């Protein structure tokens, strides 16, 4: 079992935040109805990890970046989602600010 990996927890959090059942998400990412629920359950329980292509499909359906699934702290996940939800111009401003802080700090 791969339970130490943050992916199972992050996947379940993102799925529940979108209001999808395991079956719904499985179907939305192209899984067959006969395996959608059990496959998603295995991912959320950490019994299996999806490959990158499957992970990208999940991220797209759930409206999160793939990196979200790898955040090992809630603080990092919150920061990533806050950044993800910014406009491109706002992202540039944040990056510029951080780079200036590195130079002056």
PDB file of N, CA and C in Angstrom:
ATOM      1  N   UNK A   1       0.852  -1.191   0.000  1.00  0.00           N
ATOM      2  CA  UNK A   1       0.000   0.000   0.000  1.00  0.00           C
ATOM      3  C   UNK A   1       0.892   1.246   0.000  1.00  0.00           C
ATOM      4  N   UNK A   2       0.417   2.317  -0.652  1.00  0.00           N
ATOM      5  CA  UNK A   2       1.202   3.524  -0.827  1.00  0.00           C
ATOM      6  C   UNK A   2       0.651   4.683  -0.009  1.00  0.00           C
ATOM      7  N   UNK A   3       0.123   4.426   1.165  1.00  0.00           N
ATOM      8  CA  UNK A   3      -0.623   5.424   1.922  1.00  0.00           C
ATOM      9  C   UNK A   3       0.197   6.635   2.362  1.00  0.00           C
ATOM     10  N   UNK A   4       1.535   6.538   2.393  1.00  0.00           N
ATOM     11  CA  UNK A   4       2.347   7.680   2.796  1.00  0.00           C
ATOM     12  C   UNK A   4       2.368   8.753   1.712  1.00  0.00           C
ATOM     13  N   UNK A   5       1.977   8.417   0.517  1.00  0.00           N
ATOM     14  CA  UNK A   5       1.933   9.349  -0.598  1.00  0.00           C
ATOM     15  C   UNK A   5       0.753  10.304  -0.407  1.00  0.00           C
ATOM     16  N   UNK A   6       0.935  11.598  -0.689  1.00  0.00           N
ATOM     17  CA  UNK A   6      -0.168  12.546  -0.490  1.00  0.00           C
ATOM     18  C   UNK A   6      -1.291  12.425  -1.521  1.00  0.00           C
ATOM     19  N   UNK A   7      -1.041  11.761  -2.649  1.00  0.00           N
ATOM     20  CA  UNK A   7      -2.028  11.713  -3.725  1.00  0.00           C
ATOM     21  C   UNK A   7      -3.399  11.193  -3.301  1.00  0.00           C
ATOM     22  N   UNK A   8      -3.502  10.086  -2.586  1.00  0.00           N
ATOM     23  CA  UNK A   8      -4.841   9.600  -2.234  1.00  0.00           C
ATOM     24  C   UNK A   8      -5.688  10.633  -1.480  1.00  0.00           C
ATOM     25  N   UNK A   9      -5.085  11.291  -0.517  1.00  0.00           N
ATOM     26  CA  UNK A   9      -5.814  12.288   0.271  1.00  0.00           C
ATOM     27  C   UNK A   9      -6.198  13.488  -0.577  1.00  0.00           C
ATOM     28  N   UNK A  10      -5.253  13.981  -1.370  1.00  0.00           N
ATOM     29  CA  UNK A  10      -5.525  15.153  -2.220  1.00  0.00           C
ATOM     30  C   UNK A  10      -6.588  14.830  -3.269  1.00  0.00           C
ATOM     31  N   UNK A  11      -6.531  13.647  -3.834  1.00  0.00           N
ATOM     32  CA  UNK A  11      -7.523  13.246  -4.833  1.00  0.00           C
ATOM     33  C   UNK A  11      -8.925  13.236  -4.225  1.00  0.00           C
ATOM     34  N   UNK A  12      -9.054  12.650  -3.049  1.00  0.00           N
ATOM     35  CA  UNK A  12     -10.357  12.600  -2.397  1.00  0.00           C
ATOM     36  C   UNK A  12     -10.846  14.006  -2.047  1.00  0.00           C
ATOM     37  N   UNK A  13      -9.952  14.856  -1.537  1.00  0.00           N
ATOM     38  CA  UNK A  13     -10.337  16.227  -1.197  1.00  0.00           C
ATOM     39  C   UNK A  13     -10.841  16.975  -2.425  1.00  0.00           C
ATOM     40  N   UNK A  14     -10.121  16.866  -3.524  1.00  0.00           N
ATOM     41  CA  UNK A  14     -10.499  17.577  -4.744  1.00  0.00           C
ATOM     42  C   UNK A  14     -11.804  17.031  -5.316  1.00  0.00           C
ATOM     43  N   UNK A  15     -11.964  15.716  -5.290  1.00  0.00           N
ATOM     44  CA  UNK A  15     -13.193  15.105  -5.811  1.00  0.00           C
ATOM     45  C   UNK A  15     -14.399  15.541  -4.997  1.00  0.00           C
ATOM     46  N   UNK A  16     -14.274  15.488  -3.674  1.00  0.00           N
ATOM     47  CA  UNK A  16     -15.389  15.884  -2.812  1.00  0.00           C
ATOM     48  C   UNK A  16     -15.697  17.376  -2.947  1.00  0.00           C
ATOM     49  N   UNK A  17     -14.666  18.195  -3.119  1.00  0.00           N
ATOM     50  CA  UNK A  17     -14.878  19.638  -3.290  1.00  0.00           C
ATOM     51  C   UNK A  17     -15.682  19.928  -4.558  1.00  0.00           C
ATOM     52  N   UNK A  18     -15.503  19.100  -5.586  1.00  0.00           N
ATOM     53  CA  UNK A  18     -16.254  19.255  -6.831  1.00  0.00           C
ATOM     54  C   UNK A  18     -17.641  18.625  -6.748  1.00  0.00           C
ATOM     55  N   UNK A  19     -17.869  17.820  -5.709  1.00  0.00           N
ATOM     56  CA  UNK A  19     -19.163  17.173  -5.541  1.00  0.00           C
ATOM     57  C   UNK A  19     -19.366  15.937  -6.398  1.00  0.00           C
ATOM     58  N   UNK A  20     -18.268  15.327  -6.854  1.00  0.00           N
ATOM     59  CA  UNK A  20     -18.359  14.119  -7.673  1.00  0.00           C
ATOM     60  C   UNK A  20     -18.297  12.880  -6.790  1.00  0.00           C
ATOM     61  N   UNK A  21     -19.022  11.842  -7.186  1.00  0.00           N
ATOM     62  CA  UNK A  21     -18.814  10.535  -6.577  1.00  0.00           C
ATOM     63  C   UNK A  21     -17.591   9.919  -7.251  1.00  0.00           C
ATOM     64  N   UNK A  22     -17.096   8.834  -6.684  1.00  0.00           N
ATOM     65  CA  UNK A  22     -15.971   8.147  -7.310  1.00  0.00           C
ATOM     66  C   UNK A  22     -16.355   7.669  -8.710  1.00  0.00           C
ATOM     67  N   UNK A  23     -17.558   7.149  -8.840  1.00  0.00           N
ATOM     68  CA  UNK A  23     -18.023   6.666 -10.140  1.00  0.00           C
ATOM     69  C   UNK A  23     -18.105   7.808 -11.143  1.00  0.00           C
ATOM     70  N   UNK A  24     -18.663   8.934 -10.734  1.00  0.00           N
ATOM     71  CA  UNK A  24     -18.782  10.078 -11.648  1.00  0.00           C
ATOM     72  C   UNK A  24     -17.424  10.529 -12.157  1.00  0.00           C
ATOM     73  N   UNK A  25     -16.462  10.669 -11.257  1.00  0.00           N
ATOM     74  CA  UNK A  25     -15.144  11.104 -11.687  1.00  0.00           C
ATOM     75  C   UNK A  25     -14.526  10.067 -12.620  1.00  0.00           C
ATOM     76  N   UNK A  26     -14.652   8.804 -12.263  1.00  0.00           N
ATOM     77  CA  UNK A  26     -14.117   7.745 -13.121  1.00  0.00           C
ATOM     78  C   UNK A  26     -14.690   7.799 -14.528  1.00  0.00           C
ATOM     79  N   UNK A  27     -15.976   7.989 -14.628  1.00  0.00           N
ATOM     80  CA  UNK A  27     -16.616   8.074 -15.946  1.00  0.00           C
ATOM     81  C   UNK A  27     -16.159   9.319 -16.704  1.00  0.00           C
ATOM     82  N   UNK A  28     -16.025  10.432 -15.999  1.00  0.00           N
ATOM     83  CA  UNK A  28     -15.612  11.692 -16.631  1.00  0.00           C
ATOM     84  C   UNK A  28     -14.192  11.627 -17.189  1.00  0.00           C
ATOM     85  N   UNK A  29     -13.356  10.762 -16.617  1.00  0.00           N
ATOM     86  CA  UNK A  29     -11.986  10.643 -17.119  1.00  0.00           C
ATOM     87  C   UNK A  29     -11.833   9.467 -18.081  1.00  0.00           C
ATOM     88  N   UNK A  30     -12.949   8.847 -18.447  1.00  0.00           N
ATOM     89  CA  UNK A  30     -12.920   7.827 -19.485  1.00  0.00           C
ATOM     90  C   UNK A  30     -12.848   6.387 -19.039  1.00  0.00           C
ATOM     91  N   UNK A  31     -13.033   6.139 -17.753  1.00  0.00           N
ATOM     92  CA  UNK A  31     -13.037   4.747 -17.290  1.00  0.00           C
ATOM     93  C   UNK A  31     -14.357   4.089 -17.651  1.00  0.00           C
ATOM     94  N   UNK A  32     -14.320   2.808 -17.876  1.00  0.00           N
ATOM     95  CA  UNK A  32     -15.530   2.040 -18.155  1.00  0.00           C
ATOM     96  C   UNK A  32     -16.391   1.980 -16.900  1.00  0.00           C
ATOM     97  N   UNK A  33     -17.696   1.994 -17.080  1.00  0.00           N
ATOM     98  CA  UNK A  33     -18.619   1.979 -15.930  1.00  0.00           C
ATOM     99  C   UNK A  33     -18.388   0.778 -15.020  1.00  0.00           C
ATOM    100  N   UNK A  34     -17.919  -0.323 -15.583  1.00  0.00           N
ATOM    101  CA  UNK A  34     -17.734  -1.536 -14.777  1.00  0.00           C
ATOM    102  C   UNK A  34     -16.551  -1.434 -13.811  1.00  0.00           C
ATOM    103  N   UNK A  35     -15.634  -0.481 -14.047  1.00  0.00           N
ATOM    104  CA  UNK A  35     -14.459  -0.362 -13.170  1.00  0.00           C
ATOM    105  C   UNK A  35     -14.298   1.019 -12.551  1.00  0.00           C
ATOM    106  N   UNK A  36     -15.117   1.983 -12.953  1.00  0.00           N
ATOM    107  CA  UNK A  36     -14.917   3.376 -12.531  1.00  0.00           C
ATOM    108  C   UNK A  36     -14.864   3.524 -11.014  1.00  0.00           C
ATOM    109  N   UNK A  37     -15.839   3.006 -10.313  1.00  0.00           N
ATOM    110  CA  UNK A  37     -15.894   3.174  -8.861  1.00  0.00           C
ATOM    111  C   UNK A  37     -14.738   2.462  -8.159  1.00  0.00           C
ATOM    112  N   UNK A  38     -14.501   1.207  -8.530  1.00  0.00           N
ATOM    113  CA  UNK A  38     -13.443   0.457  -7.838  1.00  0.00           C
ATOM    114  C   UNK A  38     -12.064   1.029  -8.130  1.00  0.00           C
ATOM    115  N   UNK A  39     -11.824   1.467  -9.365  1.00  0.00           N
ATOM    116  CA  UNK A  39     -10.515   2.041  -9.701  1.00  0.00           C
ATOM    117  C   UNK A  39     -10.279   3.322  -8.916  1.00  0.00           C
ATOM    118  N   UNK A  40     -11.303   4.189  -8.865  1.00  0.00           N
ATOM    119  CA  UNK A  40     -11.151   5.440  -8.119  1.00  0.00           C
ATOM    120  C   UNK A  40     -10.957   5.150  -6.632  1.00  0.00           C
ATOM    121  N   UNK A  41     -11.662   4.150  -6.130  1.00  0.00           N
ATOM    122  CA  UNK A  41     -11.506   3.770  -4.727  1.00  0.00           C
ATOM    123  C   UNK A  41     -10.077   3.306  -4.457  1.00  0.00           C
ATOM    124  N   UNK A  42      -9.505   2.546  -5.364  1.00  0.00           N
ATOM    125  CA  UNK A  42      -8.123   2.087  -5.195  1.00  0.00           C
ATOM    126  C   UNK A  42      -7.155   3.259  -5.189  1.00  0.00           C
ATOM    127  N   UNK A  43      -7.399   4.257  -6.045  1.00  0.00           N
ATOM    128  CA  UNK A  43      -6.546   5.443  -6.057  1.00  0.00           C
ATOM    129  C   UNK A  43      -6.653   6.197  -4.736  1.00  0.00           C
ATOM    130  N   UNK A  44      -7.883   6.360  -4.247  1.00  0.00           N
ATOM    131  CA  UNK A  44      -8.091   7.124  -3.007  1.00  0.00           C
ATOM    132  C   UNK A  44      -7.631   6.377  -1.765  1.00  0.00           C
ATOM    133  N   UNK A  45      -7.576   5.082  -1.831  1.00  0.00           N
ATOM    134  CA  UNK A  45      -7.085   4.291  -0.697  1.00  0.00           C
ATOM    135  C   UNK A  45      -5.575   4.093  -0.760  1.00  0.00           C
ATOM    136  N   UNK A  46      -4.959   4.507  -1.857  1.00  0.00           N
ATOM    137  CA  UNK A  46      -3.522   4.366  -1.996  1.00  0.00           C
ATOM    138  C   UNK A  46      -3.070   2.980  -2.390  1.00  0.00           C
ATOM    139  N   UNK A  47      -3.997   2.167  -2.878  1.00  0.00           N
ATOM    140  CA  UNK A  47      -3.618   0.818  -3.310  1.00  0.00           C
ATOM    141  C   UNK A  47      -2.876   0.849  -4.639  1.00  0.00           C
ATOM    142  N   UNK A  48      -3.211   1.832  -5.466  1.00  0.00           N
ATOM    143  CA  UNK A  48      -2.562   2.031  -6.763  1.00  0.00           C
ATOM    144  C   UNK A  48      -2.416   3.525  -6.990  1.00  0.00           C
ATOM    145  N   UNK A  49      -1.401   3.911  -7.742  1.00  0.00           N
ATOM    146  CA  UNK A  49      -1.246   5.305  -8.155  1.00  0.00           C
ATOM    147  C   UNK A  49      -1.514   5.380  -9.658  1.00  0.00           C
ATOM    148  N   UNK A  50      -2.270   6.380 -10.083  1.00  0.00           N
ATOM    149  CA  UNK A  50      -2.543   6.518 -11.515  1.00  0.00           C
ATOM    150  C   UNK A  50      -1.289   6.963 -12.264  1.00  0.00           C
ATOM    151  N   UNK A  51      -1.219   6.613 -13.552  1.00  0.00           N
ATOM    152  CA  UNK A  51      -0.104   7.113 -14.354  1.00  0.00           C
ATOM    153  C   UNK A  51      -0.348   8.592 -14.652  1.00  0.00           C
ATOM    154  N   UNK A  52       0.661   9.238 -15.241  1.00  0.00           N
ATOM    155  CA  UNK A  52       0.566  10.684 -15.431  1.00  0.00           C
ATOM    156  C   UNK A  52      -0.608  11.083 -16.327  1.00  0.00           C
ATOM    157  N   UNK A  53      -0.859  10.334 -17.376  1.00  0.00           N
ATOM    158  CA  UNK A  53      -1.970  10.663 -18.281  1.00  0.00           C
ATOM    159  C   UNK A  53      -3.299  10.640 -17.533  1.00  0.00           C
ATOM    160  N   UNK A  54      -3.500   9.628 -16.721  1.00  0.00           N
ATOM    161  CA  UNK A  54      -4.733   9.522 -15.931  1.00  0.00           C
ATOM    162  C   UNK A  54      -4.795  10.649 -14.905  1.00  0.00           C
ATOM    163  N   UNK A  55      -3.679  10.955 -14.301  1.00  0.00           N
ATOM    164  CA  UNK A  55      -3.614  12.022 -13.309  1.00  0.00           C
ATOM    165  C   UNK A  55      -3.955  13.373 -13.941  1.00  0.00           C
ATOM    166  N   UNK A  56      -3.474  13.601 -15.159  1.00  0.00           N
ATOM    167  CA  UNK A  56      -3.771  14.844 -15.868  1.00  0.00           C
ATOM    168  C   UNK A  56      -5.269  14.950 -16.162  1.00  0.00           C
ATOM    169  N   UNK A  57      -5.884  13.847 -16.550  1.00  0.00           N
ATOM    170  CA  UNK A  57      -7.328  13.844 -16.800  1.00  0.00           C
ATOM    171  C   UNK A  57      -8.093  14.184 -15.521  1.00  0.00           C
ATOM    172  N   UNK A  58      -7.659  13.603 -14.405  1.00  0.00           N
ATOM    173  CA  UNK A  58      -8.311  13.889 -13.123  1.00  0.00           C
ATOM    174  C   UNK A  58      -8.141  15.354 -12.756  1.00  0.00           C
ATOM    175  N   UNK A  59      -6.929  15.858 -12.901  1.00  0.00           N
ATOM    176  CA  UNK A  59      -6.653  17.260 -12.571  1.00  0.00           C
ATOM    177  C   UNK A  59      -7.535  18.184 -13.409  1.00  0.00           C
ATOM    178  N   UNK A  60      -7.648  17.902 -14.698  1.00  0.00           N
ATOM    179  CA  UNK A  60      -8.476  18.720 -15.580  1.00  0.00           C
ATOM    180  C   UNK A  60      -9.942  18.706 -15.139  1.00  0.00           C
ATOM    181  N   UNK A  61     -10.458  17.537 -14.825  1.00  0.00           N
ATOM    182  CA  UNK A  61     -11.860  17.424 -14.396  1.00  0.00           C
ATOM    183  C   UNK A  61     -12.107  18.097 -13.049  1.00  0.00           C
ATOM    184  N   UNK A  62     -11.114  18.063 -12.192  1.00  0.00           N
ATOM    185  CA  UNK A  62     -11.274  18.601 -10.836  1.00  0.00           C
ATOM    186  C   UNK A  62     -10.853  20.064 -10.717  1.00  0.00           C
ATOM    187  N   UNK A  63     -10.267  20.598 -11.779  1.00  0.00           N
ATOM    188  CA  UNK A  63      -9.873  22.004 -11.769  1.00  0.00           C
ATOM    189  C   UNK A  63      -8.686  22.309 -10.871  1.00  0.00           C
ATOM    190  N   UNK A  64      -7.759  21.362 -10.795  1.00  0.00           N
ATOM    191  CA  UNK A  64      -6.554  21.552  -9.984  1.00  0.00           C
ATOM    192  C   UNK A  64      -5.338  21.256 -10.855  1.00  0.00           C
ATOM    193  N   UNK A  65      -4.183  21.839 -10.520  1.00  0.00           N
ATOM    194  CA  UNK A  65      -2.965  21.460 -11.241  1.00  0.00           C
ATOM    195  C   UNK A  65      -2.497  20.075 -10.774  1.00  0.00           C
ATOM    196  N   UNK A  66      -1.811  19.365 -11.635  1.00  0.00           N
ATOM    197  CA  UNK A  66      -1.302  18.041 -11.263  1.00  0.00           C
ATOM    198  C   UNK A  66      -0.460  18.123  -9.990  1.00  0.00           C
ATOM    199  N   UNK A  67       0.300  19.183  -9.848  1.00  0.00           N
ATOM    200  CA  UNK A  67       1.171  19.339  -8.674  1.00  0.00           C
ATOM    201  C   UNK A  67       0.392  19.301  -7.361  1.00  0.00           C
ATOM    202  N   UNK A  68      -0.884  19.670  -7.400  1.00  0.00           N
ATOM    203  CA  UNK A  68      -1.715  19.650  -6.187  1.00  0.00           C
ATOM    204  C   UNK A  68      -1.708  18.271  -5.537  1.00  0.00           C
ATOM    205  N   UNK A  69      -1.738  17.237  -6.360  1.00  0.00           N
ATOM    206  CA  UNK A  69      -1.792  15.874  -5.836  1.00  0.00           C
ATOM    207  C   UNK A  69      -0.526  15.483  -5.079  1.00  0.00           C
ATOM    208  N   UNK A  70       0.544  16.242  -5.265  1.00  0.00           N
ATOM    209  CA  UNK A  70       1.828  15.922  -4.641  1.00  0.00           C
ATOM    210  C   UNK A  70       2.174  16.826  -3.455  1.00  0.00           C
ATOM    211  N   UNK A  71       1.297  17.751  -3.111  1.00  0.00           N
ATOM    212  CA  UNK A  71       1.546  18.641  -1.968  1.00  0.00           C
ATOM    213  C   UNK A  71       1.470  17.837  -0.682  1.00  0.00           C
ATOM    214  N   UNK A  72       2.550  17.859   0.080  1.00  0.00           N
ATOM    215  CA  UNK A  72       2.577  17.055   1.298  1.00  0.00           C
ATOM    216  C   UNK A  72       2.146  17.811   2.545  1.00  0.00           C
ATOM    217  N   UNK A  73       1.696  19.064   2.369  1.00  0.00           N
ATOM    218  CA  UNK A  73       1.135  19.798   3.498  1.00  0.00           C
ATOM    219  C   UNK A  73      -0.071  20.589   3.016  1.00  0.00           C
ATOM    220  N   UNK A  74      -1.004  20.830   3.919  1.00  0.00           N
ATOM    221  CA  UNK A  74      -2.181  21.619   3.566  1.00  0.00           C
ATOM    222  C   UNK A  74      -1.796  23.041   3.193  1.00  0.00           C
ATOM    223  N   UNK A  75      -0.790  23.570   3.869  1.00  0.00           N
ATOM    224  CA  UNK A  75      -0.327  24.923   3.586  1.00  0.00           C
ATOM    225  C   UNK A  75       0.162  25.037   2.137  1.00  0.00           C
ATOM    226  N   UNK A  76       0.954  24.060   1.695  1.00  0.00           N
ATOM    227  CA  UNK A  76       1.456  24.080   0.321  1.00  0.00           C
ATOM    228  C   UNK A  76       0.314  23.886  -0.671  1.00  0.00           C
ATOM    229  N   UNK A  77      -0.627  23.021  -0.355  1.00  0.00           N
ATOM    230  CA  UNK A  77      -1.778  22.805  -1.239  1.00  0.00           C
ATOM    231  C   UNK A  77      -2.602  24.086  -1.365  1.00  0.00           C
ATOM    232  N   UNK A  78      -2.820  24.770  -0.253  1.00  0.00           N
ATOM    233  CA  UNK A  78      -3.565  26.037  -0.283  1.00  0.00           C
ATOM    234  C   UNK A  78      -2.829  27.085  -1.105  1.00  0.00           C
ATOM    235  N   UNK A  79      -1.516  27.173  -0.915  1.00  0.00           N
ATOM    236  CA  UNK A  79      -0.718  28.136  -1.661  1.00  0.00           C
ATOM    237  C   UNK A  79      -0.767  27.841  -3.158  1.00  0.00           C
ATOM    238  N   UNK A  80      -0.613  26.591  -3.503  1.00  0.00           N
ATOM    239  CA  UNK A  80      -0.655  26.201  -4.909  1.00  0.00           C
ATOM    240  C   UNK A  80      -2.002  26.525  -5.539  1.00  0.00           C
ATOM    241  N   UNK A  81      -3.085  26.216  -4.832  1.00  0.00           N
ATOM    242  CA  UNK A  81      -4.415  26.492  -5.383  1.00  0.00           C
ATOM    243  C   UNK A  81      -4.665  27.992  -5.486  1.00  0.00           C
ATOM    244  N   UNK A  82      -4.185  28.759  -4.534  1.00  0.00           N
ATOM    245  CA  UNK A  82      -4.337  30.212  -4.613  1.00  0.00           C
ATOM    246  C   UNK A  82      -3.611  30.744  -5.842  1.00  0.00           C
ATOM    247  N   UNK A  83      -2.401  30.266  -6.066  1.00  0.00           N
ATOM    248  CA  UNK A  83      -1.634  30.699  -7.231  1.00  0.00           C
ATOM    249  C   UNK A  83      -2.308  30.234  -8.525  1.00  0.00           C
ATOM    250  N   UNK A  84      -2.779  29.006  -8.529  1.00  0.00           N
ATOM    251  CA  UNK A  84      -3.436  28.423  -9.712  1.00  0.00           C
ATOM    252  C   UNK A  84      -4.653  29.253 -10.143  1.00  0.00           C
ATOM    253  N   UNK A  85      -5.352  29.810  -9.177  1.00  0.00           N
ATOM    254  CA  UNK A  85      -6.586  30.542  -9.469  1.00  0.00           C
ATOM    255  C   UNK A  85      -6.369  32.006  -9.852  1.00  0.00           C
ATOM    256  N   UNK A  86      -5.111  32.465  -9.854  1.00  0.00           N
ATOM    257  CA  UNK A  86      -4.819  33.836 -10.259  1.00  0.00           C
ATOM    258  C   UNK A  86      -4.860  33.970 -11.781  1.00  0.00           C
ATOM    259  N   UNK A  87      -5.036  35.193 -12.237  1.00  0.00           N
ATOM    260  CA  UNK A  87      -4.939  35.477 -13.667  1.00  0.00           C
ATOM    261  C   UNK A  87      -3.458  35.410 -14.063  1.00  0.00           C
ATOM    262  N   UNK A  88      -3.172  35.275 -15.351  1.00  0.00           N
ATOM    263  CA  UNK A  88      -1.762  35.272 -15.764  1.00  0.00           C
ATOM    264  C   UNK A  88      -1.004  36.526 -15.313  1.00  0.00           C
ATOM    265  N   UNK A  89      -1.629  37.675 -15.374  1.00  0.00           N
ATOM    266  CA  UNK A  89      -0.971  38.913 -14.936  1.00  0.00           C
ATOM    267  C   UNK A  89      -0.692  38.890 -13.430  1.00  0.00           C
ATOM    268  N   UNK A  90      -1.650  38.392 -12.659  1.00  0.00           N
ATOM    269  CA  UNK A  90      -1.447  38.299 -11.213  1.00  0.00           C
ATOM    270  C   UNK A  90      -0.320  37.316 -10.888  1.00  0.00           C
ATOM    271  N   UNK A  91      -0.249  36.216 -11.628  1.00  0.00           N
ATOM    272  CA  UNK A  91       0.833  35.251 -11.421  1.00  0.00           C
ATOM    273  C   UNK A  91       2.185  35.899 -11.676  1.00  0.00           C
ATOM    274  N   UNK A  92       2.272  36.673 -12.752  1.00  0.00           N
ATOM    275  CA  UNK A  92       3.519  37.368 -13.068  1.00  0.00           C
ATOM    276  C   UNK A  92       3.902  38.320 -11.938  1.00  0.00           C
ATOM    277  N   UNK A  93       2.918  39.035 -11.393  1.00  0.00           N
ATOM    278  CA  UNK A  93       3.191  39.970 -10.305  1.00  0.00           C
ATOM    279  C   UNK A  93       3.702  39.233  -9.066  1.00  0.00           C
ATOM    280  N   UNK A  94       3.109  38.104  -8.754  1.00  0.00           N
ATOM    281  CA  UNK A  94       3.546  37.312  -7.595  1.00  0.00           C
ATOM    282  C   UNK A  94       4.979  36.831  -7.803  1.00  0.00           C
ATOM    283  N   UNK A  95       5.261  36.322  -8.982  1.00  0.00           N
ATOM    284  CA  UNK A  95       6.620  35.835  -9.273  1.00  0.00           C
ATOM    285  C   UNK A  95       7.627  36.974  -9.187  1.00  0.00           C
ATOM    286  N   UNK A  96       7.282  38.116  -9.759  1.00  0.00           N
ATOM    287  CA  UNK A  96       8.174  39.280  -9.679  1.00  0.00           C
ATOM    288  C   UNK A  96       8.419  39.682  -8.226  1.00  0.00           C
ATOM    289  N   UNK A  97       7.364  39.698  -7.416  1.00  0.00           N
ATOM    290  CA  UNK A  97       7.490  40.053  -6.005  1.00  0.00           C
ATOM    291  C   UNK A  97       8.423  39.083  -5.279  1.00  0.00           C
ATOM    292  N   UNK A  98       8.212  37.802  -5.493  1.00  0.00           N
ATOM    293  CA  UNK A  98       9.035  36.789  -4.824  1.00  0.00           C
ATOM    294  C   UNK A  98      10.490  36.917  -5.261  1.00  0.00           C
ATOM    295  N   UNK A  99      10.710  37.126  -6.538  1.00  0.00           N
ATOM    296  CA  UNK A  99      12.088  37.281  -7.026  1.00  0.00           C
ATOM    297  C   UNK A  99      12.757  38.505  -6.415  1.00  0.00           C
ATOM    298  N   UNK A 100      12.018  39.590  -6.257  1.00  0.00           N
ATOM    299  CA  UNK A 100      12.575  40.789  -5.624  1.00  0.00           C
ATOM    300  C   UNK A 100      12.904  40.523  -4.161  1.00  0.00           C
ATOM    301  N   UNK A 101      12.083  39.729  -3.497  1.00  0.00           N
ATOM    302  CA  UNK A 101      12.337  39.402  -2.099  1.00  0.00           C
ATOM    303  C   UNK A 101      13.608  38.584  -1.959  1.00  0.00           C
ATOM    304  N   UNK A 102      13.853  37.684  -2.899  1.00  0.00           N
ATOM    305  CA  UNK A 102      15.064  36.854  -2.864  1.00  0.00           C
ATOM    306  C   UNK A 102      16.306  37.725  -3.030  1.00  0.00           C
ATOM    307  N   UNK A 103      16.211  38.722  -3.901  1.00  0.00           N
ATOM    308  CA  UNK A 103      17.360  39.596  -4.160  1.00  0.00           C
ATOM    309  C   UNK A 103      17.648  40.500  -2.966  1.00  0.00           C
ATOM    310  N   UNK A 104      16.588  41.073  -2.388  1.00  0.00           N
ATOM    311  CA  UNK A 104      16.794  42.025  -1.285  1.00  0.00           C
ATOM    312  C   UNK A 104      16.941  41.338   0.068  1.00  0.00           C
ATOM    313  N   UNK A 105      16.566  40.080   0.171  1.00  0.00           N
ATOM    314  CA  UNK A 105      16.593  39.382   1.451  1.00  0.00           C
ATOM    315  C   UNK A 105      17.850  38.693   1.644  1.00  0.00           C
TER     316      UNK A 105
END
